[in-house]
Amino acid sequence: MNRIKGKITGIESSGSISLVDVDTPLGKLCAVIVETPSTADYLTVGNQIYVLFKETEVSIGKNLSGELSLRNKIPCIVEKVDKGKILSRVVLRCKDIRIKSIITSRSVERMAIKEGDNVVALIKTNEVSLMESDNGW
């Protein structure tokens, strides 16, 4: 599980769903969650939280052009590729933070992903979770 520290900078709610913007060392990330400030005390602008997303939810883009509907786009450098027969684990670095991705080995081969490549980590907003921080970072 990828876990990044962040601070809530914006909340837009409708019904029981909220779109939450979080400033992180990686830049602004966004999550769609089934909670609102009235149902979850930690949902307050300025609160420190953790942004969580599974390795299997991190797609990798290379040589992208054009528009994407994905809001969470993180420019990274490939630090390491552990290639298996079916799946590969790709360790990405953005600034001083590592992000892990698990993609198919066929994708690694097709995209010729190797250490040192410039890529973009892509995470859909509905695949991002938020966790309350104890503020004891």
N, C-alpha and C. Protein backbone atom coordinates (compact mmCIF):
# COMPACT_ATOMS: atom_id res chain seq x y z
N MET A 1 0.85 -1.18 0.00
CA MET A 1 0.00 0.00 0.00
C MET A 1 0.89 1.24 0.00
N ASN A 2 0.59 2.16 -0.89
CA ASN A 2 1.29 3.44 -0.91
C ASN A 2 0.61 4.36 0.10
N ARG A 3 1.41 5.05 0.90
CA ARG A 3 0.86 5.96 1.92
C ARG A 3 1.66 7.25 1.89
N ILE A 4 0.95 8.37 1.62
CA ILE A 4 1.59 9.67 1.46
C ILE A 4 0.95 10.64 2.46
N LYS A 5 1.77 11.43 3.14
CA LYS A 5 1.26 12.45 4.05
C LYS A 5 0.68 13.60 3.23
N GLY A 6 -0.37 14.22 3.77
CA GLY A 6 -0.95 15.34 3.06
C GLY A 6 -1.79 16.22 3.97
N LYS A 7 -2.26 17.32 3.38
CA LYS A 7 -3.09 18.28 4.10
C LYS A 7 -4.29 18.61 3.22
N ILE A 8 -5.49 18.49 3.78
CA ILE A 8 -6.71 18.77 3.03
C ILE A 8 -6.76 20.25 2.67
N THR A 9 -6.97 20.53 1.37
CA THR A 9 -7.03 21.93 0.92
C THR A 9 -8.39 22.29 0.34
N GLY A 10 -9.22 21.31 0.07
CA GLY A 10 -10.54 21.60 -0.48
C GLY A 10 -11.46 20.41 -0.37
N ILE A 11 -12.74 20.69 -0.16
CA ILE A 11 -13.76 19.64 -0.07
C ILE A 11 -15.00 20.13 -0.79
N GLU A 12 -15.49 19.31 -1.72
CA GLU A 12 -16.75 19.60 -2.41
C GLU A 12 -17.65 18.39 -2.20
N SER A 13 -18.81 18.60 -1.59
CA SER A 13 -19.71 17.49 -1.28
C SER A 13 -21.05 17.64 -1.98
N SER A 14 -21.65 16.50 -2.28
CA SER A 14 -23.00 16.43 -2.82
C SER A 14 -23.61 15.13 -2.32
N GLY A 15 -24.71 15.25 -1.60
CA GLY A 15 -25.30 14.06 -1.01
C GLY A 15 -24.33 13.47 -0.01
N SER A 16 -23.99 12.20 -0.18
CA SER A 16 -23.07 11.53 0.75
C SER A 16 -21.67 11.35 0.17
N ILE A 17 -21.37 12.03 -0.94
CA ILE A 17 -20.08 11.86 -1.61
C ILE A 17 -19.30 13.18 -1.57
N SER A 18 -17.99 13.05 -1.36
CA SER A 18 -17.12 14.24 -1.36
C SER A 18 -15.95 14.04 -2.30
N LEU A 19 -15.56 15.13 -2.93
CA LEU A 19 -14.34 15.21 -3.72
C LEU A 19 -13.37 16.01 -2.86
N VAL A 20 -12.27 15.38 -2.45
CA VAL A 20 -11.34 15.98 -1.50
C VAL A 20 -9.99 16.22 -2.18
N ASP A 21 -9.53 17.48 -2.11
CA ASP A 21 -8.21 17.84 -2.63
C ASP A 21 -7.22 17.84 -1.48
N VAL A 22 -6.04 17.26 -1.73
CA VAL A 22 -5.02 17.12 -0.70
C VAL A 22 -3.68 17.57 -1.26
N ASP A 23 -3.02 18.49 -0.58
CA ASP A 23 -1.65 18.86 -0.94
C ASP A 23 -0.71 17.85 -0.32
N THR A 24 0.18 17.30 -1.15
CA THR A 24 1.16 16.32 -0.69
C THR A 24 2.54 16.74 -1.22
N PRO A 25 3.59 16.10 -0.74
CA PRO A 25 4.92 16.38 -1.32
C PRO A 25 4.99 16.03 -2.81
N LEU A 26 4.05 15.23 -3.31
CA LEU A 26 4.02 14.86 -4.73
C LEU A 26 3.24 15.86 -5.56
N GLY A 27 2.57 16.81 -4.92
CA GLY A 27 1.67 17.74 -5.58
C GLY A 27 0.26 17.49 -5.09
N LYS A 28 -0.71 18.10 -5.76
CA LYS A 28 -2.10 17.95 -5.34
C LYS A 28 -2.64 16.60 -5.80
N LEU A 29 -3.24 15.86 -4.86
CA LEU A 29 -3.92 14.61 -5.18
C LEU A 29 -5.39 14.78 -4.82
N CYS A 30 -6.23 13.96 -5.43
CA CYS A 30 -7.67 14.10 -5.25
C CYS A 30 -8.27 12.73 -4.98
N ALA A 31 -9.28 12.70 -4.09
CA ALA A 31 -9.97 11.46 -3.76
C ALA A 31 -11.47 11.69 -3.78
N VAL A 32 -12.22 10.71 -4.28
CA VAL A 32 -13.67 10.68 -4.17
C VAL A 32 -13.99 9.69 -3.07
N ILE A 33 -14.69 10.15 -2.04
CA ILE A 33 -14.99 9.27 -0.92
C ILE A 33 -16.47 9.33 -0.57
N VAL A 34 -16.96 8.28 0.06
CA VAL A 34 -18.36 8.20 0.48
C VAL A 34 -18.44 8.65 1.94
N GLU A 35 -18.08 9.90 2.16
CA GLU A 35 -18.16 10.56 3.46
C GLU A 35 -18.25 12.05 3.18
N THR A 36 -18.72 12.79 4.15
CA THR A 36 -18.79 14.24 4.05
C THR A 36 -18.29 14.84 5.36
N PRO A 37 -18.03 16.13 5.40
CA PRO A 37 -17.61 16.74 6.67
C PRO A 37 -18.63 16.53 7.79
N SER A 38 -19.90 16.34 7.46
CA SER A 38 -20.90 16.11 8.51
C SER A 38 -20.91 14.68 9.02
N THR A 39 -20.29 13.74 8.27
CA THR A 39 -20.26 12.34 8.71
C THR A 39 -18.88 11.87 9.15
N ALA A 40 -17.86 12.68 8.87
CA ALA A 40 -16.48 12.30 9.23
C ALA A 40 -15.74 13.55 9.73
N ASP A 41 -15.43 13.57 11.02
CA ASP A 41 -14.80 14.73 11.65
C ASP A 41 -13.46 15.12 11.04
N TYR A 42 -12.71 14.15 10.52
CA TYR A 42 -11.39 14.45 9.99
C TYR A 42 -11.45 15.23 8.67
N LEU A 43 -12.62 15.27 8.04
CA LEU A 43 -12.77 15.99 6.77
C LEU A 43 -12.95 17.49 7.03
N THR A 44 -11.83 18.14 7.27
CA THR A 44 -11.81 19.57 7.51
C THR A 44 -10.62 20.16 6.77
N VAL A 45 -10.85 21.25 6.05
CA VAL A 45 -9.75 21.92 5.35
C VAL A 45 -8.68 22.28 6.38
N GLY A 46 -7.43 21.95 6.06
CA GLY A 46 -6.30 22.21 6.94
C GLY A 46 -5.85 20.99 7.74
N ASN A 47 -6.69 19.96 7.83
CA ASN A 47 -6.32 18.76 8.59
C ASN A 47 -5.24 17.96 7.86
N GLN A 48 -4.32 17.41 8.65
CA GLN A 48 -3.31 16.51 8.11
C GLN A 48 -3.89 15.11 8.05
N ILE A 49 -3.66 14.44 6.92
CA ILE A 49 -4.18 13.10 6.71
C ILE A 49 -3.15 12.28 5.95
N TYR A 50 -3.48 11.02 5.73
CA TYR A 50 -2.70 10.17 4.83
C TYR A 50 -3.55 9.88 3.60
N VAL A 51 -2.90 9.88 2.45
CA VAL A 51 -3.50 9.47 1.19
C VAL A 51 -3.00 8.05 0.94
N LEU A 52 -3.93 7.13 0.68
CA LEU A 52 -3.58 5.72 0.49
C LEU A 52 -4.07 5.23 -0.87
N PHE A 53 -3.24 4.40 -1.52
CA PHE A 53 -3.68 3.74 -2.74
C PHE A 53 -2.84 2.49 -2.94
N LYS A 54 -3.51 1.44 -3.43
CA LYS A 54 -2.85 0.15 -3.64
C LYS A 54 -1.89 0.20 -4.82
N GLU A 55 -0.88 -0.63 -4.77
CA GLU A 55 0.09 -0.74 -5.85
C GLU A 55 -0.59 -1.14 -7.16
N THR A 56 -1.63 -1.97 -7.06
CA THR A 56 -2.33 -2.44 -8.25
C THR A 56 -3.21 -1.36 -8.87
N GLU A 57 -3.40 -0.24 -8.19
CA GLU A 57 -4.22 0.85 -8.70
C GLU A 57 -3.38 1.96 -9.35
N VAL A 58 -2.07 1.76 -9.40
CA VAL A 58 -1.18 2.76 -10.01
C VAL A 58 -0.83 2.30 -11.43
N SER A 59 -1.42 2.99 -12.40
CA SER A 59 -1.08 2.73 -13.80
C SER A 59 0.13 3.58 -14.15
N ILE A 60 0.81 3.22 -15.21
CA ILE A 60 2.00 3.95 -15.63
C ILE A 60 1.82 4.41 -17.07
N GLY A 61 2.10 5.68 -17.29
CA GLY A 61 2.07 6.23 -18.64
C GLY A 61 3.47 6.63 -19.06
N LYS A 62 3.74 6.47 -20.34
CA LYS A 62 5.05 6.84 -20.88
C LYS A 62 4.82 7.55 -22.21
N ASN A 63 5.50 8.67 -22.40
CA ASN A 63 5.34 9.45 -23.63
C ASN A 63 3.88 9.84 -23.88
N LEU A 64 3.21 10.30 -22.84
CA LEU A 64 1.80 10.67 -22.96
C LEU A 64 1.64 11.99 -23.69
N SER A 65 0.56 12.09 -24.43
CA SER A 65 0.20 13.36 -25.04
C SER A 65 -1.32 13.42 -25.08
N GLY A 66 -1.87 14.61 -25.07
CA GLY A 66 -3.31 14.76 -25.08
C GLY A 66 -3.87 14.83 -23.67
N GLU A 67 -5.18 14.91 -23.59
CA GLU A 67 -5.87 15.05 -22.32
C GLU A 67 -6.29 13.70 -21.77
N LEU A 68 -6.29 13.59 -20.44
CA LEU A 68 -6.78 12.40 -19.74
C LEU A 68 -7.79 12.85 -18.69
N SER A 69 -8.77 12.02 -18.42
CA SER A 69 -9.74 12.36 -17.38
C SER A 69 -9.19 12.12 -15.99
N LEU A 70 -8.10 11.42 -15.87
CA LEU A 70 -7.50 11.15 -14.56
C LEU A 70 -6.96 12.43 -13.95
N ARG A 71 -7.31 12.68 -12.69
CA ARG A 71 -6.84 13.90 -12.02
C ARG A 71 -5.49 13.69 -11.34
N ASN A 72 -5.22 12.47 -10.93
CA ASN A 72 -3.99 12.19 -10.19
C ASN A 72 -2.91 11.72 -11.15
N LYS A 73 -2.07 12.67 -11.57
CA LYS A 73 -0.98 12.40 -12.51
C LYS A 73 0.30 12.85 -11.84
N ILE A 74 1.22 11.92 -11.58
CA ILE A 74 2.44 12.22 -10.84
C ILE A 74 3.65 11.90 -11.71
N PRO A 75 4.41 12.93 -12.12
CA PRO A 75 5.63 12.65 -12.90
C PRO A 75 6.66 11.95 -12.02
N CYS A 76 7.22 10.87 -12.55
CA CYS A 76 8.15 10.05 -11.78
C CYS A 76 9.31 9.57 -12.65
N ILE A 77 10.29 9.01 -11.98
CA ILE A 77 11.39 8.30 -12.64
C ILE A 77 11.34 6.85 -12.17
N VAL A 78 11.51 5.93 -13.10
CA VAL A 78 11.54 4.50 -12.74
C VAL A 78 12.84 4.23 -12.00
N GLU A 79 12.71 3.75 -10.77
CA GLU A 79 13.86 3.45 -9.94
C GLU A 79 14.27 1.98 -10.05
N LYS A 80 13.25 1.10 -10.16
CA LYS A 80 13.53 -0.34 -10.19
C LYS A 80 12.38 -1.08 -10.83
N VAL A 81 12.70 -2.14 -11.57
CA VAL A 81 11.69 -3.01 -12.16
C VAL A 81 11.99 -4.45 -11.73
N ASP A 82 11.05 -5.06 -11.01
CA ASP A 82 11.14 -6.47 -10.63
C ASP A 82 10.16 -7.22 -11.51
N LYS A 83 10.69 -7.81 -12.58
CA LYS A 83 9.83 -8.43 -13.59
C LYS A 83 9.58 -9.89 -13.26
N GLY A 84 8.30 -10.23 -13.15
CA GLY A 84 7.90 -11.62 -12.98
C GLY A 84 7.33 -12.16 -14.28
N LYS A 85 6.89 -13.40 -14.25
CA LYS A 85 6.35 -14.01 -15.46
C LYS A 85 5.04 -13.34 -15.88
N ILE A 86 4.16 -13.03 -14.93
CA ILE A 86 2.86 -12.43 -15.24
C ILE A 86 2.79 -10.97 -14.81
N LEU A 87 3.23 -10.69 -13.60
CA LEU A 87 3.18 -9.33 -13.06
C LEU A 87 4.57 -8.80 -12.76
N SER A 88 4.68 -7.49 -12.82
CA SER A 88 5.94 -6.82 -12.49
C SER A 88 5.67 -5.74 -11.45
N ARG A 89 6.63 -5.59 -10.57
CA ARG A 89 6.58 -4.53 -9.56
C ARG A 89 7.52 -3.43 -10.03
N VAL A 90 6.99 -2.22 -10.16
CA VAL A 90 7.79 -1.09 -10.64
C VAL A 90 7.84 -0.07 -9.50
N VAL A 91 9.06 0.26 -9.09
CA VAL A 91 9.25 1.27 -8.06
C VAL A 91 9.54 2.59 -8.75
N LEU A 92 8.73 3.59 -8.43
CA LEU A 92 8.85 4.91 -9.04
C LEU A 92 9.31 5.90 -7.98
N ARG A 93 10.01 6.94 -8.42
CA ARG A 93 10.46 7.98 -7.49
C ARG A 93 9.96 9.32 -7.99
N CYS A 94 9.32 10.05 -7.08
CA CYS A 94 8.91 11.43 -7.34
C CYS A 94 9.48 12.24 -6.19
N LYS A 95 10.41 13.11 -6.51
CA LYS A 95 11.13 13.87 -5.50
C LYS A 95 11.81 12.86 -4.58
N ASP A 96 11.55 12.88 -3.29
CA ASP A 96 12.18 11.92 -2.38
C ASP A 96 11.23 10.82 -1.95
N ILE A 97 10.14 10.63 -2.67
CA ILE A 97 9.11 9.66 -2.27
C ILE A 97 9.03 8.54 -3.29
N ARG A 98 8.94 7.31 -2.79
CA ARG A 98 8.78 6.14 -3.65
C ARG A 98 7.30 5.79 -3.75
N ILE A 99 6.89 5.48 -4.96
CA ILE A 99 5.55 4.97 -5.23
C ILE A 99 5.74 3.61 -5.88
N LYS A 100 4.96 2.64 -5.44
CA LYS A 100 5.06 1.30 -6.02
C LYS A 100 3.85 1.03 -6.90
N SER A 101 4.10 0.36 -8.01
CA SER A 101 3.06 -0.01 -8.96
C SER A 101 3.23 -1.47 -9.33
N ILE A 102 2.11 -2.16 -9.48
CA ILE A 102 2.14 -3.53 -9.99
C ILE A 102 1.34 -3.54 -11.28
N ILE A 103 2.03 -3.84 -12.38
CA ILE A 103 1.39 -3.91 -13.69
C ILE A 103 1.78 -5.23 -14.34
N THR A 104 1.16 -5.55 -15.46
CA THR A 104 1.51 -6.81 -16.12
C THR A 104 2.91 -6.72 -16.73
N SER A 105 3.57 -7.84 -16.75
CA SER A 105 4.89 -7.90 -17.38
C SER A 105 4.79 -7.63 -18.88
N ARG A 106 3.67 -7.97 -19.47
CA ARG A 106 3.46 -7.65 -20.89
C ARG A 106 3.50 -6.14 -21.11
N SER A 107 2.91 -5.38 -20.16
CA SER A 107 2.94 -3.92 -20.28
C SER A 107 4.36 -3.39 -20.13
N VAL A 108 5.11 -3.96 -19.21
CA VAL A 108 6.50 -3.55 -19.03
C VAL A 108 7.27 -3.76 -20.33
N GLU A 109 7.06 -4.91 -20.95
CA GLU A 109 7.76 -5.22 -22.21
C GLU A 109 7.27 -4.32 -23.36
N ARG A 110 5.95 -4.19 -23.50
CA ARG A 110 5.38 -3.39 -24.59
C ARG A 110 5.83 -1.94 -24.52
N MET A 111 5.90 -1.41 -23.30
CA MET A 111 6.29 -0.02 -23.11
C MET A 111 7.79 0.15 -22.94
N ALA A 112 8.51 -0.97 -22.92
CA ALA A 112 9.97 -0.96 -22.72
C ALA A 112 10.36 -0.14 -21.48
N ILE A 113 9.67 -0.42 -20.39
CA ILE A 113 9.94 0.30 -19.13
C ILE A 113 11.24 -0.21 -18.54
N LYS A 114 12.12 0.75 -18.22
CA LYS A 114 13.41 0.39 -17.62
C LYS A 114 13.83 1.47 -16.62
N GLU A 115 14.78 1.12 -15.79
CA GLU A 115 15.30 2.06 -14.79
C GLU A 115 15.76 3.35 -15.47
N GLY A 116 15.40 4.47 -14.86
CA GLY A 116 15.80 5.77 -15.38
C GLY A 116 14.78 6.42 -16.30
N ASP A 117 13.76 5.66 -16.73
CA ASP A 117 12.73 6.22 -17.61
C ASP A 117 11.90 7.29 -16.89
N ASN A 118 11.53 8.32 -17.62
CA ASN A 118 10.56 9.30 -17.13
C ASN A 118 9.17 8.78 -17.47
N VAL A 119 8.32 8.66 -16.46
CA VAL A 119 6.96 8.15 -16.64
C VAL A 119 6.00 8.99 -15.80
N VAL A 120 4.72 8.68 -15.92
CA VAL A 120 3.71 9.34 -15.12
C VAL A 120 2.91 8.26 -14.40
N ALA A 121 2.83 8.37 -13.06
CA ALA A 121 1.97 7.49 -12.28
C ALA A 121 0.55 8.05 -12.37
N LEU A 122 -0.41 7.19 -12.67
CA LEU A 122 -1.80 7.59 -12.87
C LEU A 122 -2.69 6.83 -11.89
N ILE A 123 -3.48 7.57 -11.10
CA ILE A 123 -4.35 6.94 -10.11
C ILE A 123 -5.73 7.58 -10.19
N LYS A 124 -6.76 6.77 -10.43
CA LYS A 124 -8.13 7.30 -10.49
C LYS A 124 -8.55 7.80 -9.10
N THR A 125 -9.34 8.85 -9.07
CA THR A 125 -9.75 9.44 -7.79
C THR A 125 -10.54 8.46 -6.93
N ASN A 126 -11.30 7.57 -7.54
CA ASN A 126 -12.09 6.62 -6.76
C ASN A 126 -11.23 5.48 -6.20
N GLU A 127 -9.96 5.41 -6.56
CA GLU A 127 -9.06 4.39 -6.03
C GLU A 127 -8.18 4.93 -4.90
N VAL A 128 -8.38 6.20 -4.56
CA VAL A 128 -7.61 6.84 -3.50
C VAL A 128 -8.44 6.86 -2.23
N SER A 129 -7.85 6.43 -1.13
CA SER A 129 -8.51 6.47 0.18
C SER A 129 -7.81 7.49 1.06
N LEU A 130 -8.52 7.97 2.05
CA LEU A 130 -7.95 8.90 3.01
C LEU A 130 -7.99 8.27 4.40
N MET A 131 -6.95 8.54 5.18
CA MET A 131 -6.88 8.01 6.54
C MET A 131 -6.53 9.16 7.48
N GLU A 132 -7.26 9.22 8.55
CA GLU A 132 -7.02 10.25 9.56
C GLU A 132 -5.62 10.10 10.13
N SER A 133 -4.96 11.23 10.34
CA SER A 133 -3.62 11.24 10.92
C SER A 133 -3.72 11.50 12.41
N ASP A 134 -2.77 10.96 13.14
CA ASP A 134 -2.71 11.25 14.58
C ASP A 134 -1.93 12.54 14.82
N ASN A 135 -1.56 13.22 13.72
CA ASN A 135 -0.76 14.44 13.76
C ASN A 135 0.57 14.26 14.46
N GLY A 136 1.01 13.02 14.60
CA GLY A 136 2.28 12.73 15.24
C GLY A 136 3.37 12.41 14.26
N TRP A 137 3.34 13.07 13.10
CA TRP A 137 4.36 12.76 12.09
C TRP A 137 5.68 13.18 12.63
